[in-house]
Structures are given as C-alpha cells and as structure tokens.
Protein backbone atom coordinates (compact mmCIF):
# COMPACT_ATOMS: atom_id res chain seq x y z
CA MET A 1 150.22 101.36 27.50
CA THR A 2 148.55 100.71 30.94
CA SER A 3 145.09 102.35 31.67
CA ALA A 4 146.48 104.77 34.06
CA ASN A 5 149.02 105.67 31.64
CA GLN A 6 146.51 106.28 29.01
CA ILE A 7 144.60 108.33 30.86
CA VAL A 8 147.55 110.61 32.25
CA GLY A 9 148.87 111.10 28.69
CA ILE A 10 145.64 112.01 27.06
CA LEU A 11 145.11 114.54 30.13
CA TRP A 12 148.33 115.75 29.68
CA PHE A 13 147.95 116.39 26.48
CA THR A 14 144.49 118.15 26.28
CA PHE A 15 145.97 120.60 29.03
CA LEU A 16 148.69 121.74 26.75
CA ARG A 17 146.27 121.96 23.92
CA TYR A 18 144.18 124.75 25.66
CA LYS A 19 147.17 126.31 27.68
CA ALA A 20 145.86 129.49 26.22
CA LEU A 21 142.70 129.54 27.73
CA TRP A 22 143.99 129.19 31.26
CA VAL A 23 144.03 132.89 31.28
CA VAL A 24 141.57 133.65 28.77
CA LEU A 25 138.47 131.55 30.08
CA PRO A 26 138.73 132.95 33.53
CA GLY A 27 139.18 136.52 32.34
CA VAL A 28 136.01 136.17 30.25
CA GLN A 29 134.29 134.80 33.37
CA ILE A 30 135.22 137.68 35.06
CA LEU A 31 134.31 140.32 32.80
CA PHE A 32 130.94 138.31 32.27
CA SER A 33 130.26 138.45 36.27
CA LEU A 34 130.89 142.12 36.48
CA ALA A 35 128.57 142.65 33.62
CA VAL A 36 125.99 140.69 35.17
CA PHE A 37 126.27 141.41 38.85
CA TRP A 38 126.26 145.32 38.09
CA GLY A 39 123.75 145.25 34.89
CA LEU A 40 121.14 142.15 35.86
CA PRO A 41 119.66 144.00 39.07
CA LEU A 42 119.19 146.95 36.93
CA ILE A 43 117.54 145.29 34.20
CA ALA A 44 115.01 143.23 36.70
CA GLY A 45 114.22 146.35 38.46
CA HIS A 46 115.91 145.73 41.81
CA SER A 47 118.85 148.17 41.81
CA GLN A 48 118.58 148.88 45.16
CA ASP A 49 117.81 145.59 46.69
CA SER A 50 121.01 143.54 47.83
CA SER A 51 119.25 141.19 50.17
CA PRO A 52 120.80 137.62 50.87
CA ILE A 53 118.27 135.77 49.06
CA THR A 54 118.50 138.59 45.68
CA SER A 55 122.38 138.48 45.74
CA GLY A 56 122.32 134.40 46.20
CA LYS A 57 120.02 134.23 43.31
CA THR A 58 121.96 136.79 41.33
CA LEU A 59 125.31 134.63 41.95
CA CYS A 60 123.25 131.25 40.72
CA SER A 61 122.10 133.30 37.45
CA VAL A 62 125.75 134.08 36.98
CA TRP A 63 127.05 130.79 37.17
CA LEU A 64 124.17 129.44 35.37
CA LEU A 65 124.86 131.81 32.32
CA SER A 66 128.51 131.16 32.58
CA SER A 67 127.93 127.28 32.61
CA ILE A 68 125.85 128.04 29.32
CA ILE A 69 128.38 130.33 27.36
CA ILE A 70 131.08 128.01 28.19
CA GLY A 71 129.64 125.06 27.23
CA LEU A 72 127.34 125.81 24.01
CA SER A 73 129.19 128.64 22.94
CA ILE A 74 132.94 128.70 23.41
CA CYS A 75 133.57 124.94 23.68
CA PRO A 76 131.69 123.53 20.43
CA GLN A 77 133.65 126.36 18.42
CA ILE A 78 137.22 125.94 19.83
CA ILE A 79 137.10 122.17 19.66
CA SER A 80 135.13 122.35 16.13
CA GLU A 81 138.71 124.73 15.11
CA SER A 82 140.84 121.77 16.08
CA ASN A 83 138.83 119.51 14.15
CA LEU A 84 139.68 121.27 10.91
CA SER A 85 143.49 120.31 11.82
CA GLY A 86 142.85 116.84 12.34
CA TYR A 87 142.58 116.65 15.86
CA VAL A 88 139.82 114.17 16.18
CA ASP A 89 141.26 111.94 13.62
CA TYR A 90 144.59 112.19 15.42
CA VAL A 91 142.89 110.89 18.46
CA LYS A 92 141.07 108.14 17.42
CA THR A 93 144.14 106.33 16.31
CA LEU A 94 145.68 106.81 19.76
CA PRO A 95 145.60 103.67 22.06
CA VAL A 96 143.12 104.95 24.47
CA ARG A 97 139.68 104.21 25.04
CA ARG A 98 136.77 106.69 23.36
CA SER A 99 135.24 107.23 26.81
CA THR A 100 138.85 108.70 27.86
CA ILE A 101 139.03 110.96 25.22
CA PHE A 102 135.68 112.33 25.95
CA LEU A 103 136.10 112.39 30.04
CA SER A 104 139.65 114.11 29.84
CA GLU A 105 138.01 117.00 27.28
CA LEU A 106 135.20 117.20 30.11
CA PHE A 107 137.79 117.46 32.78
CA VAL A 108 139.72 120.08 31.49
CA TRP A 109 136.85 122.35 30.67
CA LEU A 110 135.51 121.50 34.31
CA ILE A 111 138.67 122.68 35.82
CA MET A 112 139.07 125.71 33.82
CA SER A 113 135.46 126.74 34.29
CA SER A 114 135.80 126.17 38.14
CA LEU A 115 138.63 128.62 38.48
CA GLY A 116 136.50 131.40 37.07
CA PHE A 117 133.38 130.29 39.31
CA VAL A 118 135.64 130.63 42.57
CA ILE A 119 136.73 134.20 41.14
CA SER A 120 133.09 135.02 40.39
CA PHE A 121 132.47 134.57 44.03
CA PHE A 122 134.91 137.13 45.11
CA VAL A 123 133.75 139.48 42.23
CA ALA A 124 130.04 139.52 43.76
CA MET A 125 131.19 140.10 47.19
CA LEU A 126 132.26 143.32 45.82
CA LYS A 127 128.74 144.23 44.64
CA PHE A 128 126.76 142.52 47.51
CA ARG A 129 127.76 143.09 51.21
CA ASN A 130 125.02 140.14 51.95
CA LEU A 131 126.05 137.59 50.05
CA PRO A 132 125.28 134.40 51.42
CA PRO A 133 128.09 131.97 51.96
CA ILE A 134 128.74 129.55 49.15
CA ARG A 135 127.68 125.89 50.10
CA LEU A 136 129.80 122.90 48.89
CA GLU A 137 126.71 121.33 47.37
CA SER A 138 125.89 124.29 45.41
CA PHE A 139 129.50 124.58 44.11
CA LEU A 140 129.33 121.00 42.80
CA PHE A 141 125.89 121.41 41.40
CA ALA A 142 127.26 124.22 39.17
CA MET A 143 130.15 122.06 37.98
CA LEU A 144 127.18 119.34 36.81
CA LEU A 145 125.79 121.75 34.56
CA VAL A 146 129.07 122.51 33.31
CA CYS A 147 129.26 118.96 32.51
CA ILE A 148 126.21 118.95 31.20
CA TYR A 149 126.81 122.09 28.73
CA VAL A 150 130.09 121.06 28.00
CA GLY A 151 128.88 117.40 26.89
CA LEU A 152 126.33 119.07 24.65
CA GLY A 153 129.10 121.36 23.32
CA ILE A 154 131.17 118.56 22.64
CA VAL A 155 128.49 116.36 20.67
CA LEU A 156 127.92 119.79 18.45
CA ALA A 157 131.83 119.74 17.39
CA LEU A 158 131.94 116.42 16.73
CA TYR A 159 128.78 115.59 14.54
CA PHE A 160 128.90 119.35 12.61
CA LYS A 161 131.33 121.12 10.31
CA LEU A 162 132.72 124.66 11.81
CA GLY A 163 130.07 126.80 9.89
CA LEU A 164 127.13 125.04 11.35
CA VAL A 165 128.83 124.52 14.60
CA GLN A 166 129.23 128.61 14.98
CA LEU A 167 125.64 128.96 13.76
CA LEU A 168 124.08 126.25 16.25
CA SER A 169 126.15 127.30 19.05
CA GLN A 170 124.89 131.00 19.36
CA ALA A 171 121.49 130.02 18.38
CA LEU A 172 121.37 127.41 21.32
CA ALA A 173 123.17 129.95 23.75
CA LEU A 174 120.44 132.68 22.70
CA ILE A 175 117.72 130.15 23.04
CA ALA A 176 119.25 129.28 26.67
CA PHE A 177 119.34 132.54 27.58
CA LEU A 178 115.51 133.13 26.61
CA PHE A 179 114.38 129.51 28.34
CA THR A 180 116.08 130.48 31.87
CA PRO A 181 113.69 132.90 33.46
CA LEU A 182 116.03 135.12 35.13
CA LEU A 183 114.42 138.25 34.20
CA TYR A 184 110.79 137.21 34.55
CA PRO A 185 108.52 134.61 36.76
CA ALA A 186 108.29 131.15 35.20
CA ASP A 187 104.46 131.21 35.16
CA ARG A 188 104.55 134.12 32.48
CA LEU A 189 105.74 131.18 29.61
CA PRO A 190 102.95 130.31 27.13
CA ASP A 191 101.38 127.23 27.97
CA TRP A 192 102.83 125.69 24.93
CA LEU A 193 106.22 126.27 25.71
CA VAL A 194 105.89 125.08 29.54
CA LEU A 195 106.54 121.44 28.52
CA ILE A 196 109.85 122.57 26.66
CA HIS A 197 110.70 124.92 29.11
CA TRP A 198 110.86 121.55 32.08
CA LEU A 199 112.73 119.33 29.40
CA LEU A 200 115.28 121.58 28.55
CA PRO A 201 118.51 121.15 31.18
CA PHE A 202 118.54 124.92 31.82
CA TYR A 203 115.80 126.22 34.06
CA PRO A 204 116.02 122.71 36.19
CA GLY A 205 119.46 123.59 36.65
CA LEU A 206 118.50 127.06 37.96
CA ARG A 207 116.49 125.76 40.40
CA VAL A 208 118.41 122.79 41.43
CA LEU A 209 121.41 125.71 42.40
CA GLU A 210 119.03 127.84 44.11
CA TRP A 211 117.68 124.79 46.10
CA SER A 212 121.11 123.83 46.96
CA GLN A 213 121.80 127.54 48.25
CA GLY A 214 118.66 127.31 50.34
CA LEU A 215 116.80 130.16 48.09
CA LEU A 216 114.20 127.90 46.66
CA ASN A 217 111.53 126.58 49.46
CA VAL A 218 110.87 123.16 47.83
CA THR A 219 111.93 119.99 49.53
CA TYR A 220 114.56 117.30 47.61
CA THR A 221 111.42 114.78 46.91
CA GLU A 222 109.85 118.07 45.27
CA LEU A 223 112.85 118.52 42.66
CA TRP A 224 112.59 114.83 41.18
CA ARG A 225 111.36 116.33 37.81
CA ASP A 226 114.22 118.60 37.73
CA PHE A 227 116.84 115.97 38.62
CA SER A 228 115.59 113.67 35.98
CA VAL A 229 116.09 116.05 33.50
CA LEU A 230 119.42 116.93 34.67
CA PHE A 231 120.20 113.10 34.66
CA PHE A 232 118.91 112.89 31.11
CA TRP A 233 121.03 115.81 29.58
CA PHE A 234 123.94 114.42 31.92
CA VAL A 235 123.99 110.70 30.19
CA ALA A 236 122.83 111.84 26.54
CA PRO A 237 126.12 113.39 25.49
CA PHE A 238 128.03 111.07 26.70
CA VAL A 239 126.47 108.50 24.72
CA LEU A 240 126.37 110.67 21.52
CA ALA A 241 130.11 111.63 21.90
CA ILE A 242 131.13 107.99 22.42
CA SER A 243 128.94 106.72 19.60
CA ARG A 244 130.66 109.50 17.28
CA LEU A 245 134.32 108.43 18.25
CA ARG A 246 133.97 105.09 17.53
CA LYS A 247 132.51 105.65 14.18
CA ARG A 248 135.01 104.96 11.10
CA GLU A 249 135.19 107.63 8.56
C-alpha cells in the first residue's frame, strides 16, 4: 500500500467513524455561541456596548472556548469510548504510520470544528451590528488552537481509561475557563498564578487571536512568549501520541 493510499484510507475510515458528529458538533457550537454572545456581555457588565472592539473580542472568546470544549471535553471522551471497542488496538494493526493515524484524527476534528466556527461568525452578526470582518489569519490561528486542544484530548484518551478521562477532561476544561481571563483582567491573578497563567495554552491563545484581529495593541515581536508557549503545546501532544501508538501492549 502506497503512502497516498494509506492516508486516503485512514482518513476515509476516520470520517465514517465520526459521521454522526458532522451534524451534532456544529449544532453544539451554535448553541454555545448563542449562549455566550447573549450571556457573556451581561456577565461582563457591558450589555449595551456593541462596539467593534467588544464584539470582536467576544467572538475571539467564543472561538477559544469552543476549541477548549471540543478538544479537552468532547474529543477525549468520544475517543476513549471508542477504545473500549478495541479501536486503538485495531488501528495499530493497520499497515499505516502512527503519525498518519494521529494526523487523521486531528484533521477530521479540525474540519468538524471549522464548520462551527464559520457558523458562529454568522450567529455573531445577529447579535453585534458593528462586528469587524474576520481576517484570514484569525481563522487560521483559531484552527491552530483546535489542533492544540484536540491533540491534548487525544493524548488523554490514549493514556488513560474512560473513567479517568471523563474526570480529567471535565477538570481540565474547568481549569481552562478559570485561567482564561474573559471575565476579569489578567493582572488580577495572584502573583503565584502568573507563571502558570503564561505557561498554559489558553491565555496566550486568546492574545494571539485578538492580535490577529487587530484588537490587541502589541507588535508581532512582543508576542514571542505567546507563540513559544503555543508551539510547545502544539508539538508535545504529537510526540506523546506517537509514542503511545508505537508502544506494544
């Protein structure tokens, strides 16, 4: 089997395995977008403010939170449930590279998530009259965040059993919400939490999204720390997942 046939075959297999999610996942993202677009401004105390900056930052927050929910909550639980039926053991027997297996999972989740992101933009247009146009780089950075969080979700599913995955996925999603300063300024964090705050891939992801939309008044070079953190969390899941897939039970 050639490399091209391997890639096409595993991609098609993965697409079919998640066929029910092609409708459910975008629907969940739409409902989540509606809840955040109408609820978050009320919680944050600027329900009457529909300026371009406010609406743009709210959309960035929705994209970030959607990525976290998909990657750290939905993805690991679904993959972990598939493991009970012997899915991982089965794909290990296929004549395909372990990196192809991981990347096919990542690619399918990326495509499913992108549909919801596009729809959420149109949902935002219903709420905000002054919504700034979405830049291509913003959408690409949002996809990068999906890759990071889904990669972490895959690692959880590969390394832990279903019960623990369910506990960890919910706990990590909650921590992600708490460490992403959407409802409070970042400088309100205690000093001992600042280091953790900057090392996790949540707040740097939000900063990069806002910067790519022109909502953060910093230069590209001033974001070196944010990009470094995101690069680390982009590579780490790939290495851990491939290592686990290569391990023989």
